[in-house]
Amino acid sequence: MDFRKTYFILPNLFTLASVFCGLYSIVLTARLGHDGGSSDEELLYKAALAIVLGLLFDGADGRIARLTKTQSDLGVQLDSLADVITFGVAPAILVYRWGLLELGHAGLFVAFVFTACGALRLARFNVLEMREQQAKAASKAAGEPPADAATTKKKPAQFIGLPIPIAANMIVALVLANHAVGVTEVSNHAAIAGFVLVLSYLMISRVRFRSFKDLTLTKRSVTVIVLVLALSVVTFLRVNGPAVLIGMLSLFVVLGLAEEVVFYRRRRREELAETRADEPDDDEHEVLEELGAEPVETAK
């Protein structure tokens, strides 16, 4: 038996498990008002938890692929398609039934905007990944030596635009927080719509958010991480857990926006220099510009 083939299947199984979680969330939301055994509040709660579970599977598939050295183009494409369902469609349906239904067609449009922006962000990621792979292949074919890590300035690992899993789970955390405090009805539907639209814009924006994938593990950094995790767990258990999650995700977004304001001009100069150096075809450059993408290092 070729265990290597089994290793290739393993990450994709986790990705498909994430798809199942997204589908299960959609099914639970669709049963609102039609399930005699469970209340609508309970169904919404379970639907939100299903998306959180999908986040865990989504975070595991990439790490398993790297550990087993089974990264593949199929896995990249499958992961993006899974994210559209679990973090694009499922949260949009959830927030529509929970806080946008009373707005009628306007609420439906807001939910659509969230899904559309999530899909655009994932498409931009795939385009940039493809360009990066093509550039590496071209350099290798031309016989160019690899860049010297000692002389090349390393850029911090960053997301371009708010990652769709984070945007989705900010919505989910809001639903869970209201359930935790016993709020059964949304009083300000316009505020929910505005919140969703802001998340949608951030996903397709050029704002950089740190991914912390390049974090160097030192004694000090490990100590800080352990303390933060311990404090988060204690606070999560003793206070409103979902509210803590909202606070942590909001802090991540605020830090990204603050860095963008501080380093805006420098980042735009770097983007312009890299764009001129790469000189993509006019048609391709136009497509990337419409997506808000630039040929810079990115991460999903």
Foldseek 3Di string as FASTA:
>chain_A
DPCLVVLLVVLVVLLVLLLVLLVQLLVLLVCAPPDPVDHNLVSLLSSLVSLVVSVVSLVVSVVSCVVSVNDDPVSLVSNLVSCLRSLQQSLLSSCCSAQNVVVPVVSNVLSVLSSVLLNLLSVLVVVLVVVVVVVVVVCVVVVHDDDDPVPDDDDAAKAFFDHSSLLSNLSSLVSLLCVLVPNRHDDDSVVSSVSSVVNSCRSLHRQIFGPCPPPDDDPVVVVVVVVVVVVLVVCLVPDVNSVSVNVVSVVRVVVSVVVCVVCVVVVVVVQVVQCVVVVDDPVVVVVCVVSNHGNDRHDD
